[in-house]
C-alpha cells in the first residue's frame, strides 16, 4: 500500500492531523506519523519505505532523501522550502513542493501585531504612537505581502510595495503605491516589512546601504528568514541611529549584542511562529495532503519547486 509519512519534530495541531488523515485514507493510502522526534536518524529510518512525506520546518536533507527508497514526493507545509535539499531531490527524481498562501494571513497578522506591540512601547504603560497615517513598505508583494497590505490599510496606514516580479498595475490595483526601485521603498517608508525568500540573491541583501535610507524613525519587521539580514550591518546602524528598531520572527545570531546594548529597540519571538495558528496548521497540512494525492494519482506538479 502507498504510504504517506508526516514527519514533524513540532507536530501539527491534532485537528490538522485529522484532516490530513481523512484526505490520505480516502485516497486509499496509509498515513504514517513521526512526531516529536529529536534525532535526524529517526527521520531517515521512518522515510525508508514511504512514497510521500509531509514536513514543516524539518530538514529534508540529502541523507533523508537518499534513505527514501520509494520516495516520490516531499511537501513542505508552508511557503518557505529552504529546508529541503532541492539538488538532492532532483538528482533522485523526487518532486519537492511547498504550499504557498496557506500560512499567509497568519504571518501577516503577526507582522502587524509586532508593529502595534512596538508602537505602544511593548504595552509598558507609557504613551506610545499610532500606526494610522504612517508609511509602510512591503518588500515583496506575494501572498503574505498582500495580506499585510490588506490589514495595514485597515489601520489607516499608507502602504507602499516593491516587487521586481510584478507589474506596477498589479500592485496599484490593491490601492497600494508601487515603489519604482527597492531604494525608493526604503527611502519613503518608516516601517518596512520583509517577505522575500532566502536564496543566493537575497541572503544578506538587507544591508547598511539599504537600511540607512529609511527616514527617522525607522522600524524593520522581519517575518521572512534571518539569512536575508546582513546582521553586522544592522548592528552598525543601531549604533549610529537611536531611532532604528528591529522586530523579527527570527532571532539573529548576534542576539546577545542587541540585548546588551539596545534594550527597548527590538523584539524577537522565542521561536519562528508566523505560521503558528490553528488555522494555518490546518490549511497548510491539508493542502500538502491534497497536493500529494493529486501528484500520485494524476501527476499534478502545480506547486513543484525543484523544476
C-alpha atoms as a PDB file:
ATOM      1  CA  UNK A   1       0.000   0.000   0.000  1.00  0.00           C
ATOM      2  CA  UNK A   2       1.134   3.540  -0.774  1.00  0.00           C
ATOM      3  CA  UNK A   3       2.375   5.242   2.385  1.00  0.00           C
ATOM      4  CA  UNK A   4       2.391   8.935   3.282  1.00  0.00           C
ATOM      5  CA  UNK A   5       4.647   9.993   6.158  1.00  0.00           C
ATOM      6  CA  UNK A   6       4.051  13.096   8.262  1.00  0.00           C
ATOM      7  CA  UNK A   7       7.427  13.865   9.856  1.00  0.00           C
ATOM      8  CA  UNK A   8       7.165  16.753  12.312  1.00  0.00           C
ATOM      9  CA  UNK A   9       9.519  17.487  15.182  1.00  0.00           C
ATOM     10  CA  UNK A  10       6.989  20.224  16.013  1.00  0.00           C
ATOM     11  CA  UNK A  11       3.692  18.407  15.373  1.00  0.00           C
ATOM     12  CA  UNK A  12       0.667  19.739  13.596  1.00  0.00           C
ATOM     13  CA  UNK A  13      -2.344  20.512  15.771  1.00  0.00           C
ATOM     14  CA  UNK A  14      -4.436  17.347  16.304  1.00  0.00           C
ATOM     15  CA  UNK A  15      -7.269  18.750  14.206  1.00  0.00           C
ATOM     16  CA  UNK A  16      -4.829  19.254  11.314  1.00  0.00           C
ATOM     17  CA  UNK A  17      -3.607  15.657  11.604  1.00  0.00           C
ATOM     18  CA  UNK A  18      -7.219  14.501  11.497  1.00  0.00           C
ATOM     19  CA  UNK A  19      -7.745  16.455   8.285  1.00  0.00           C
ATOM     20  CA  UNK A  20      -4.577  15.072   6.725  1.00  0.00           C
ATOM     21  CA  UNK A  21      -5.573  11.535   7.685  1.00  0.00           C
ATOM     22  CA  UNK A  22      -9.002  11.975   6.097  1.00  0.00           C
ATOM     23  CA  UNK A  23      -7.500  13.119   2.785  1.00  0.00           C
ATOM     24  CA  UNK A  24      -4.849  10.394   2.724  1.00  0.00           C
ATOM     25  CA  UNK A  25      -7.068   7.487   3.750  1.00  0.00           C
ATOM     26  CA  UNK A  26      -9.938   8.470   1.453  1.00  0.00           C
ATOM     27  CA  UNK A  27      -7.405   8.259  -1.386  1.00  0.00           C
ATOM     28  CA  UNK A  28      -6.704   4.675  -0.341  1.00  0.00           C
ATOM     29  CA  UNK A  29      -3.278   5.382   1.172  1.00  0.00           C
ATOM     30  CA  UNK A  30      -1.795   4.658   4.598  1.00  0.00           C
ATOM     31  CA  UNK A  31      -0.799   7.516   6.896  1.00  0.00           C
ATOM     32  CA  UNK A  32       2.360   7.142   8.999  1.00  0.00           C
ATOM     33  CA  UNK A  33       3.165   9.618  11.792  1.00  0.00           C
ATOM     34  CA  UNK A  34       6.591  10.563  13.128  1.00  0.00           C
ATOM     35  CA  UNK A  35       6.023  13.299  15.699  1.00  0.00           C
ATOM     36  CA  UNK A  36       8.233  14.971  18.320  1.00  0.00           C
ATOM     37  CA  UNK A  37      11.352  13.233  17.044  1.00  0.00           C
ATOM     38  CA  UNK A  38      14.710  14.622  18.173  1.00  0.00           C
ATOM     39  CA  UNK A  39      17.340  12.881  16.040  1.00  0.00           C
ATOM     40  CA  UNK A  40      17.740  13.045  12.242  1.00  0.00           C
ATOM     41  CA  UNK A  41      18.321   9.288  12.220  1.00  0.00           C
ATOM     42  CA  UNK A  42      14.701   8.809  13.310  1.00  0.00           C
ATOM     43  CA  UNK A  43      13.537  10.676  10.217  1.00  0.00           C
ATOM     44  CA  UNK A  44      15.887   8.687   7.990  1.00  0.00           C
ATOM     45  CA  UNK A  45      14.538   5.404   9.362  1.00  0.00           C
ATOM     46  CA  UNK A  46      10.891   6.455   9.036  1.00  0.00           C
ATOM     47  CA  UNK A  47      11.249   7.564   5.399  1.00  0.00           C
ATOM     48  CA  UNK A  48      12.780   4.260   4.275  1.00  0.00           C
ATOM     49  CA  UNK A  49       9.593   2.643   2.924  1.00  0.00           C
ATOM     50  CA  UNK A  50       7.210   5.545   2.252  1.00  0.00           C
ATOM     51  CA  UNK A  51       6.139   7.077  -1.048  1.00  0.00           C
ATOM     52  CA  UNK A  52       5.467  10.623   0.126  1.00  0.00           C
ATOM     53  CA  UNK A  53       6.442  12.924   3.001  1.00  0.00           C
ATOM     54  CA  UNK A  54       4.897  15.994   4.593  1.00  0.00           C
ATOM     55  CA  UNK A  55       7.199  18.177   6.704  1.00  0.00           C
ATOM     56  CA  UNK A  56       7.034  21.543   8.419  1.00  0.00           C
ATOM     57  CA  UNK A  57      10.377  23.109   9.441  1.00  0.00           C
ATOM     58  CA  UNK A  58      12.024  19.686   9.435  1.00  0.00           C
ATOM     59  CA  UNK A  59      15.186  19.285   7.375  1.00  0.00           C
ATOM     60  CA  UNK A  60      14.765  17.046   4.356  1.00  0.00           C
ATOM     61  CA  UNK A  61      18.468  16.864   3.604  1.00  0.00           C
ATOM     62  CA  UNK A  62      20.358  14.541   1.273  1.00  0.00           C
ATOM     63  CA  UNK A  63      20.580  11.823   3.935  1.00  0.00           C
ATOM     64  CA  UNK A  64      16.797  11.816   4.360  1.00  0.00           C
ATOM     65  CA  UNK A  65      16.103  11.877   0.621  1.00  0.00           C
ATOM     66  CA  UNK A  66      18.611   9.116  -0.094  1.00  0.00           C
ATOM     67  CA  UNK A  67      17.079   6.995   2.675  1.00  0.00           C
ATOM     68  CA  UNK A  68      13.677   7.112   0.974  1.00  0.00           C
ATOM     69  CA  UNK A  69      13.954   4.124  -1.337  1.00  0.00           C
ATOM     70  CA  UNK A  70      10.393   4.560  -2.631  1.00  0.00           C
ATOM     71  CA  UNK A  71      10.171   8.335  -2.144  1.00  0.00           C
ATOM     72  CA  UNK A  72       8.417  10.155  -4.968  1.00  0.00           C
ATOM     73  CA  UNK A  73       7.330  13.463  -3.436  1.00  0.00           C
ATOM     74  CA  UNK A  74       8.057  15.639  -0.410  1.00  0.00           C
ATOM     75  CA  UNK A  75       5.881  18.605   0.521  1.00  0.00           C
ATOM     76  CA  UNK A  76       6.813  21.382   2.892  1.00  0.00           C
ATOM     77  CA  UNK A  77       3.617  22.555   4.597  1.00  0.00           C
ATOM     78  CA  UNK A  78       4.347  26.269   4.326  1.00  0.00           C
ATOM     79  CA  UNK A  79       5.715  28.816   1.897  1.00  0.00           C
ATOM     80  CA  UNK A  80       9.455  28.564   2.543  1.00  0.00           C
ATOM     81  CA  UNK A  81      11.274  25.494   1.270  1.00  0.00           C
ATOM     82  CA  UNK A  82      14.928  26.173   2.094  1.00  0.00           C
ATOM     83  CA  UNK A  83      14.800  23.199   4.485  1.00  0.00           C
ATOM     84  CA  UNK A  84      14.578  20.819   1.505  1.00  0.00           C
ATOM     85  CA  UNK A  85      17.770  19.868  -0.340  1.00  0.00           C
ATOM     86  CA  UNK A  86      16.422  20.576  -3.811  1.00  0.00           C
ATOM     87  CA  UNK A  87      19.551  19.380  -5.584  1.00  0.00           C
ATOM     88  CA  UNK A  88      19.392  16.014  -3.823  1.00  0.00           C
ATOM     89  CA  UNK A  89      15.672  15.724  -4.562  1.00  0.00           C
ATOM     90  CA  UNK A  90      16.153  16.487  -8.233  1.00  0.00           C
ATOM     91  CA  UNK A  91      19.065  14.053  -8.529  1.00  0.00           C
ATOM     92  CA  UNK A  92      16.893  11.268  -7.105  1.00  0.00           C
ATOM     93  CA  UNK A  93      13.820  12.176  -9.175  1.00  0.00           C
ATOM     94  CA  UNK A  94      11.829  13.302  -6.130  1.00  0.00           C
ATOM     95  CA  UNK A  95       9.275  16.075  -6.636  1.00  0.00           C
ATOM     96  CA  UNK A  96       9.579  18.827  -3.994  1.00  0.00           C
ATOM     97  CA  UNK A  97       6.660  21.155  -3.298  1.00  0.00           C
ATOM     98  CA  UNK A  98       5.560  23.869  -0.904  1.00  0.00           C
ATOM     99  CA  UNK A  99       2.040  25.077  -0.060  1.00  0.00           C
ATOM    100  CA  UNK A 100       2.087  28.801  -0.934  1.00  0.00           C
ATOM    101  CA  UNK A 101      -0.603  31.024   0.520  1.00  0.00           C
ATOM    102  CA  UNK A 102      -1.813  28.689   3.253  1.00  0.00           C
ATOM    103  CA  UNK A 103       0.039  30.483   6.081  1.00  0.00           C
ATOM    104  CA  UNK A 104      -0.176  33.962   4.592  1.00  0.00           C
ATOM    105  CA  UNK A 105      -2.785  35.535   6.817  1.00  0.00           C
ATOM    106  CA  UNK A 106      -1.178  34.135   9.988  1.00  0.00           C
ATOM    107  CA  UNK A 107       2.213  35.618   9.069  1.00  0.00           C
ATOM    108  CA  UNK A 108       0.649  38.931   8.073  1.00  0.00           C
ATOM    109  CA  UNK A 109      -1.236  39.221  11.357  1.00  0.00           C
ATOM    110  CA  UNK A 110       1.980  38.573  13.276  1.00  0.00           C
ATOM    111  CA  UNK A 111       3.814  41.284  11.317  1.00  0.00           C
ATOM    112  CA  UNK A 112       1.148  43.886  12.114  1.00  0.00           C
ATOM    113  CA  UNK A 113       0.860  42.612  15.675  1.00  0.00           C
ATOM    114  CA  UNK A 114       4.564  43.216  16.262  1.00  0.00           C
ATOM    115  CA  UNK A 115       4.231  46.718  14.802  1.00  0.00           C
ATOM    116  CA  UNK A 116       1.417  47.564  17.218  1.00  0.00           C
ATOM    117  CA  UNK A 117       3.346  45.985  20.111  1.00  0.00           C
ATOM    118  CA  UNK A 118       6.368  48.181  19.380  1.00  0.00           C
ATOM    119  CA  UNK A 119       4.393  51.353  18.619  1.00  0.00           C
ATOM    120  CA  UNK A 120       2.701  51.072  22.036  1.00  0.00           C
ATOM    121  CA  UNK A 121       6.026  50.608  23.853  1.00  0.00           C
ATOM    122  CA  UNK A 122       5.521  46.880  24.380  1.00  0.00           C
ATOM    123  CA  UNK A 123       2.440  47.722  26.477  1.00  0.00           C
ATOM    124  CA  UNK A 124       4.598  49.024  29.331  1.00  0.00           C
ATOM    125  CA  UNK A 125       2.062  51.671  30.372  1.00  0.00           C
ATOM    126  CA  UNK A 126       3.864  54.622  28.761  1.00  0.00           C
ATOM    127  CA  UNK A 127       2.490  56.757  25.948  1.00  0.00           C
ATOM    128  CA  UNK A 128       3.143  55.329  22.511  1.00  0.00           C
ATOM    129  CA  UNK A 129       2.257  56.177  18.942  1.00  0.00           C
ATOM    130  CA  UNK A 130      -0.300  55.050  16.344  1.00  0.00           C
ATOM    131  CA  UNK A 131       0.058  53.244  13.028  1.00  0.00           C
ATOM    132  CA  UNK A 132      -2.585  55.399  11.356  1.00  0.00           C
ATOM    133  CA  UNK A 133      -1.031  57.714   8.812  1.00  0.00           C
ATOM    134  CA  UNK A 134       2.378  56.033   8.915  1.00  0.00           C
ATOM    135  CA  UNK A 135       4.009  54.793   5.706  1.00  0.00           C
ATOM    136  CA  UNK A 136       4.531  51.029   5.461  1.00  0.00           C
ATOM    137  CA  UNK A 137       6.762  49.497   2.814  1.00  0.00           C
ATOM    138  CA  UNK A 138       6.214  45.876   1.828  1.00  0.00           C
ATOM    139  CA  UNK A 139       9.340  44.278   0.374  1.00  0.00           C
ATOM    140  CA  UNK A 140       7.978  41.522  -1.905  1.00  0.00           C
ATOM    141  CA  UNK A 141       4.290  41.633  -2.712  1.00  0.00           C
ATOM    142  CA  UNK A 142       3.341  37.962  -2.724  1.00  0.00           C
ATOM    143  CA  UNK A 143       0.696  36.123  -0.729  1.00  0.00           C
ATOM    144  CA  UNK A 144       1.902  37.370   2.657  1.00  0.00           C
ATOM    145  CA  UNK A 145       2.638  40.867   1.397  1.00  0.00           C
ATOM    146  CA  UNK A 146      -0.873  41.243   0.019  1.00  0.00           C
ATOM    147  CA  UNK A 147      -2.375  40.227   3.350  1.00  0.00           C
ATOM    148  CA  UNK A 148      -0.094  42.674   5.159  1.00  0.00           C
ATOM    149  CA  UNK A 149      -1.348  45.422   2.836  1.00  0.00           C
ATOM    150  CA  UNK A 150      -4.988  44.491   3.456  1.00  0.00           C
ATOM    151  CA  UNK A 151      -4.599  44.616   7.227  1.00  0.00           C
ATOM    152  CA  UNK A 152      -2.398  47.728   7.240  1.00  0.00           C
ATOM    153  CA  UNK A 153      -4.941  49.671   5.189  1.00  0.00           C
ATOM    154  CA  UNK A 154      -7.473  48.810   7.891  1.00  0.00           C
ATOM    155  CA  UNK A 155      -5.194  50.595  10.355  1.00  0.00           C
ATOM    156  CA  UNK A 156      -5.154  53.623   8.056  1.00  0.00           C
ATOM    157  CA  UNK A 157      -1.521  53.231   7.025  1.00  0.00           C
ATOM    158  CA  UNK A 158      -0.182  54.492   3.699  1.00  0.00           C
ATOM    159  CA  UNK A 159       1.012  51.286   2.038  1.00  0.00           C
ATOM    160  CA  UNK A 160       3.852  51.007  -0.455  1.00  0.00           C
ATOM    161  CA  UNK A 161       5.253  47.866  -2.089  1.00  0.00           C
ATOM    162  CA  UNK A 162       8.196  46.781  -4.191  1.00  0.00           C
ATOM    163  CA  UNK A 163       8.310  43.542  -6.140  1.00  0.00           C
ATOM    164  CA  UNK A 164      10.519  43.190  -9.238  1.00  0.00           C
ATOM    165  CA  UNK A 165       8.384  40.288 -10.482  1.00  0.00           C
ATOM    166  CA  UNK A 166       5.105  42.227 -10.603  1.00  0.00           C
ATOM    167  CA  UNK A 167       3.885  44.965 -12.893  1.00  0.00           C
ATOM    168  CA  UNK A 168       3.025  48.345 -11.435  1.00  0.00           C
ATOM    169  CA  UNK A 169      -0.641  47.837 -12.308  1.00  0.00           C
ATOM    170  CA  UNK A 170      -0.800  44.562 -10.342  1.00  0.00           C
ATOM    171  CA  UNK A 171       0.304  46.356  -7.183  1.00  0.00           C
ATOM    172  CA  UNK A 172      -1.666  49.561  -7.623  1.00  0.00           C
ATOM    173  CA  UNK A 173      -4.981  47.769  -8.217  1.00  0.00           C
ATOM    174  CA  UNK A 174      -4.967  46.973  -4.489  1.00  0.00           C
ATOM    175  CA  UNK A 175      -4.741  50.636  -3.531  1.00  0.00           C
ATOM    176  CA  UNK A 176      -1.027  50.275  -2.818  1.00  0.00           C
ATOM    177  CA  UNK A 177       1.669  52.684  -4.039  1.00  0.00           C
ATOM    178  CA  UNK A 178       4.271  50.973  -6.232  1.00  0.00           C
ATOM    179  CA  UNK A 179       7.897  51.847  -5.470  1.00  0.00           C
ATOM    180  CA  UNK A 180       9.921  52.064  -8.676  1.00  0.00           C
ATOM    181  CA  UNK A 181      13.036  50.641  -7.009  1.00  0.00           C
ATOM    182  CA  UNK A 182      13.856  48.906  -3.765  1.00  0.00           C
ATOM    183  CA  UNK A 183      15.765  52.041  -2.739  1.00  0.00           C
ATOM    184  CA  UNK A 184      12.627  54.143  -3.228  1.00  0.00           C
ATOM    185  CA  UNK A 185      10.718  51.804  -0.928  1.00  0.00           C
ATOM    186  CA  UNK A 186      13.190  52.215   1.903  1.00  0.00           C
ATOM    187  CA  UNK A 187      13.577  55.990   1.377  1.00  0.00           C
ATOM    188  CA  UNK A 188       9.849  56.601   1.669  1.00  0.00           C
ATOM    189  CA  UNK A 189       8.740  54.301   4.481  1.00  0.00           C
ATOM    190  CA  UNK A 190       9.066  54.485   8.269  1.00  0.00           C
ATOM    191  CA  UNK A 191       8.076  50.816   8.548  1.00  0.00           C
ATOM    192  CA  UNK A 192       9.383  48.132   6.173  1.00  0.00           C
ATOM    193  CA  UNK A 193       8.035  44.573   6.313  1.00  0.00           C
ATOM    194  CA  UNK A 194      10.186  41.856   4.714  1.00  0.00           C
ATOM    195  CA  UNK A 195       8.643  38.998   2.748  1.00  0.00           C
ATOM    196  CA  UNK A 196      11.491  37.929   0.479  1.00  0.00           C
ATOM    197  CA  UNK A 197      12.707  34.312   0.313  1.00  0.00           C
ATOM    198  CA  UNK A 198      16.211  33.298   1.402  1.00  0.00           C
ATOM    199  CA  UNK A 199      18.224  32.412  -1.696  1.00  0.00           C
ATOM    200  CA  UNK A 200      21.586  33.215  -3.240  1.00  0.00           C
ATOM    201  CA  UNK A 201      20.319  36.585  -4.459  1.00  0.00           C
ATOM    202  CA  UNK A 202      18.683  37.713  -1.221  1.00  0.00           C
ATOM    203  CA  UNK A 203      20.922  36.410   1.572  1.00  0.00           C
ATOM    204  CA  UNK A 204      22.477  39.389   3.445  1.00  0.00           C
ATOM    205  CA  UNK A 205      20.827  41.741   0.929  1.00  0.00           C
ATOM    206  CA  UNK A 206      19.128  43.816   3.637  1.00  0.00           C
ATOM    207  CA  UNK A 207      22.304  45.697   4.386  1.00  0.00           C
ATOM    208  CA  UNK A 208      23.621  49.025   5.637  1.00  0.00           C
ATOM    209  CA  UNK A 209      23.307  50.891   2.336  1.00  0.00           C
ATOM    210  CA  UNK A 210      19.644  49.945   2.052  1.00  0.00           C
ATOM    211  CA  UNK A 211      18.574  50.321   5.680  1.00  0.00           C
ATOM    212  CA  UNK A 212      20.335  53.650   6.117  1.00  0.00           C
ATOM    213  CA  UNK A 213      17.962  55.129   3.530  1.00  0.00           C
ATOM    214  CA  UNK A 214      14.978  54.787   5.867  1.00  0.00           C
ATOM    215  CA  UNK A 215      13.613  58.045   7.326  1.00  0.00           C
ATOM    216  CA  UNK A 216      13.568  58.845  11.048  1.00  0.00           C
ATOM    217  CA  UNK A 217      12.131  56.986  12.925  1.00  0.00           C
ATOM    218  CA  UNK A 218      12.555  53.598  11.262  1.00  0.00           C
ATOM    219  CA  UNK A 219      11.225  50.120  12.063  1.00  0.00           C
ATOM    220  CA  UNK A 220      12.295  46.986  10.187  1.00  0.00           C
ATOM    221  CA  UNK A 221       9.952  43.989  10.516  1.00  0.00           C
ATOM    222  CA  UNK A 222      11.197  40.543   9.516  1.00  0.00           C
ATOM    223  CA  UNK A 223       8.820  37.589   9.330  1.00  0.00           C
ATOM    224  CA  UNK A 224      10.851  36.096   6.477  1.00  0.00           C
ATOM    225  CA  UNK A 225      14.234  34.477   7.155  1.00  0.00           C
ATOM    226  CA  UNK A 226      17.181  35.511   9.344  1.00  0.00           C
ATOM    227  CA  UNK A 227      19.572  34.932   6.443  1.00  0.00           C
ATOM    228  CA  UNK A 228      18.273  37.875   4.394  1.00  0.00           C
ATOM    229  CA  UNK A 229      19.609  40.318   7.000  1.00  0.00           C
ATOM    230  CA  UNK A 230      23.231  41.456   6.986  1.00  0.00           C
ATOM    231  CA  UNK A 231      23.423  41.243  10.759  1.00  0.00           C
ATOM    232  CA  UNK A 232      26.725  43.095  11.197  1.00  0.00           C
ATOM    233  CA  UNK A 233      25.374  45.982   9.115  1.00  0.00           C
ATOM    234  CA  UNK A 234      22.155  46.091  11.130  1.00  0.00           C
ATOM    235  CA  UNK A 235      24.125  46.248  14.373  1.00  0.00           C
ATOM    236  CA  UNK A 236      26.298  49.022  12.929  1.00  0.00           C
ATOM    237  CA  UNK A 237      23.196  51.030  12.031  1.00  0.00           C
ATOM    238  CA  UNK A 238      21.775  50.530  15.521  1.00  0.00           C
ATOM    239  CA  UNK A 239      24.943  52.117  16.902  1.00  0.00           C
ATOM    240  CA  UNK A 240      24.576  55.146  14.646  1.00  0.00           C
ATOM    241  CA  UNK A 241      20.797  55.719  14.807  1.00  0.00           C
ATOM    242  CA  UNK A 242      18.924  55.687  18.095  1.00  0.00           C
ATOM    243  CA  UNK A 243      15.629  55.876  16.188  1.00  0.00           C
ATOM    244  CA  UNK A 244      16.073  52.485  14.485  1.00  0.00           C
ATOM    245  CA  UNK A 245      14.149  49.410  15.672  1.00  0.00           C
ATOM    246  CA  UNK A 246      14.086  45.774  14.567  1.00  0.00           C
ATOM    247  CA  UNK A 247      11.168  43.380  15.091  1.00  0.00           C
ATOM    248  CA  UNK A 248      11.686  39.803  13.974  1.00  0.00           C
ATOM    249  CA  UNK A 249      10.094  36.393  13.938  1.00  0.00           C
ATOM    250  CA  UNK A 250      13.611  35.011  13.674  1.00  0.00           C
ATOM    251  CA  UNK A 251      16.310  35.627  16.265  1.00  0.00           C
ATOM    252  CA  UNK A 252      19.578  36.998  14.819  1.00  0.00           C
ATOM    253  CA  UNK A 253      22.805  35.130  15.535  1.00  0.00           C
ATOM    254  CA  UNK A 254      24.080  38.270  17.324  1.00  0.00           C
ATOM    255  CA  UNK A 255      21.029  38.467  19.592  1.00  0.00           C
ATOM    256  CA  UNK A 256      23.238  38.778  22.697  1.00  0.00           C
ATOM    257  CA  UNK A 257      24.699  42.054  21.394  1.00  0.00           C
ATOM    258  CA  UNK A 258      21.240  43.515  20.849  1.00  0.00           C
ATOM    259  CA  UNK A 259      20.255  42.504  24.375  1.00  0.00           C
ATOM    260  CA  UNK A 260      23.393  44.007  25.889  1.00  0.00           C
ATOM    261  CA  UNK A 261      23.300  47.312  24.024  1.00  0.00           C
ATOM    262  CA  UNK A 262      19.852  48.140  22.686  1.00  0.00           C
ATOM    263  CA  UNK A 263      17.066  47.141  25.057  1.00  0.00           C
ATOM    264  CA  UNK A 264      13.712  48.640  24.099  1.00  0.00           C
ATOM    265  CA  UNK A 265      14.551  48.854  20.395  1.00  0.00           C
ATOM    266  CA  UNK A 266      13.949  45.267  19.312  1.00  0.00           C
ATOM    267  CA  UNK A 267      11.642  42.308  19.735  1.00  0.00           C
ATOM    268  CA  UNK A 268      12.388  38.707  18.737  1.00  0.00           C
ATOM    269  CA  UNK A 269       9.876  35.886  19.066  1.00  0.00           C
ATOM    270  CA  UNK A 270      11.264  32.936  21.085  1.00  0.00           C
ATOM    271  CA  UNK A 271      10.884  30.674  18.029  1.00  0.00           C
ATOM    272  CA  UNK A 272       9.655  31.145  14.473  1.00  0.00           C
ATOM    273  CA  UNK A 273       5.909  31.421  14.925  1.00  0.00           C
ATOM    274  CA  UNK A 274       4.484  33.230  11.905  1.00  0.00           C
ATOM    275  CA  UNK A 275       2.528  30.164  10.879  1.00  0.00           C
ATOM    276  CA  UNK A 276       1.762  29.043  14.428  1.00  0.00           C
ATOM    277  CA  UNK A 277      -2.010  29.357  14.359  1.00  0.00           C
ATOM    278  CA  UNK A 278      -4.569  26.595  14.383  1.00  0.00           C
ATOM    279  CA  UNK A 279      -5.990  27.819  11.089  1.00  0.00           C
ATOM    280  CA  UNK A 280      -2.614  27.920   9.328  1.00  0.00           C
ATOM    281  CA  UNK A 281      -1.785  24.474  10.718  1.00  0.00           C
ATOM    282  CA  UNK A 282      -4.948  23.052   9.230  1.00  0.00           C
ATOM    283  CA  UNK A 283      -4.707  24.913   5.921  1.00  0.00           C
ATOM    284  CA  UNK A 284      -1.079  24.015   5.188  1.00  0.00           C
ATOM    285  CA  UNK A 285      -1.317  20.401   6.351  1.00  0.00           C
ATOM    286  CA  UNK A 286      -4.436  19.590   4.379  1.00  0.00           C
ATOM    287  CA  UNK A 287      -3.121  21.436   1.325  1.00  0.00           C
ATOM    288  CA  UNK A 288       0.048  19.305   1.492  1.00  0.00           C
ATOM    289  CA  UNK A 289      -2.022  16.111   1.697  1.00  0.00           C
ATOM    290  CA  UNK A 290      -4.201  17.141  -1.249  1.00  0.00           C
ATOM    291  CA  UNK A 291      -1.142  18.003  -3.337  1.00  0.00           C
ATOM    292  CA  UNK A 292       0.375  14.598  -2.644  1.00  0.00           C
ATOM    293  CA  UNK A 293      -2.825  12.802  -3.639  1.00  0.00           C
ATOM    294  CA  UNK A 294      -3.108  14.808  -6.869  1.00  0.00           C
ATOM    295  CA  UNK A 295       0.535  14.154  -7.709  1.00  0.00           C
ATOM    296  CA  UNK A 296       0.368  10.422  -7.068  1.00  0.00           C
ATOM    297  CA  UNK A 297      -2.940   9.952  -8.891  1.00  0.00           C
ATOM    298  CA  UNK A 298      -2.639  12.402 -11.792  1.00  0.00           C
ATOM    299  CA  UNK A 299       0.960  13.624 -11.874  1.00  0.00           C
ATOM    300  CA  UNK A 300      -0.068  17.186 -10.947  1.00  0.00           C
ATOM    301  CA  UNK A 301       3.079  19.272 -10.293  1.00  0.00           C
ATOM    302  CA  UNK A 302       1.485  22.699  -9.834  1.00  0.00           C
ATOM    303  CA  UNK A 303       3.496  23.677  -6.760  1.00  0.00           C
ATOM    304  CA  UNK A 304       6.777  21.955  -7.602  1.00  0.00           C
ATOM    305  CA  UNK A 305       9.811  23.983  -6.537  1.00  0.00           C
ATOM    306  CA  UNK A 306      12.656  21.892  -7.981  1.00  0.00           C
ATOM    307  CA  UNK A 307      11.812  22.231 -11.662  1.00  0.00           C
END
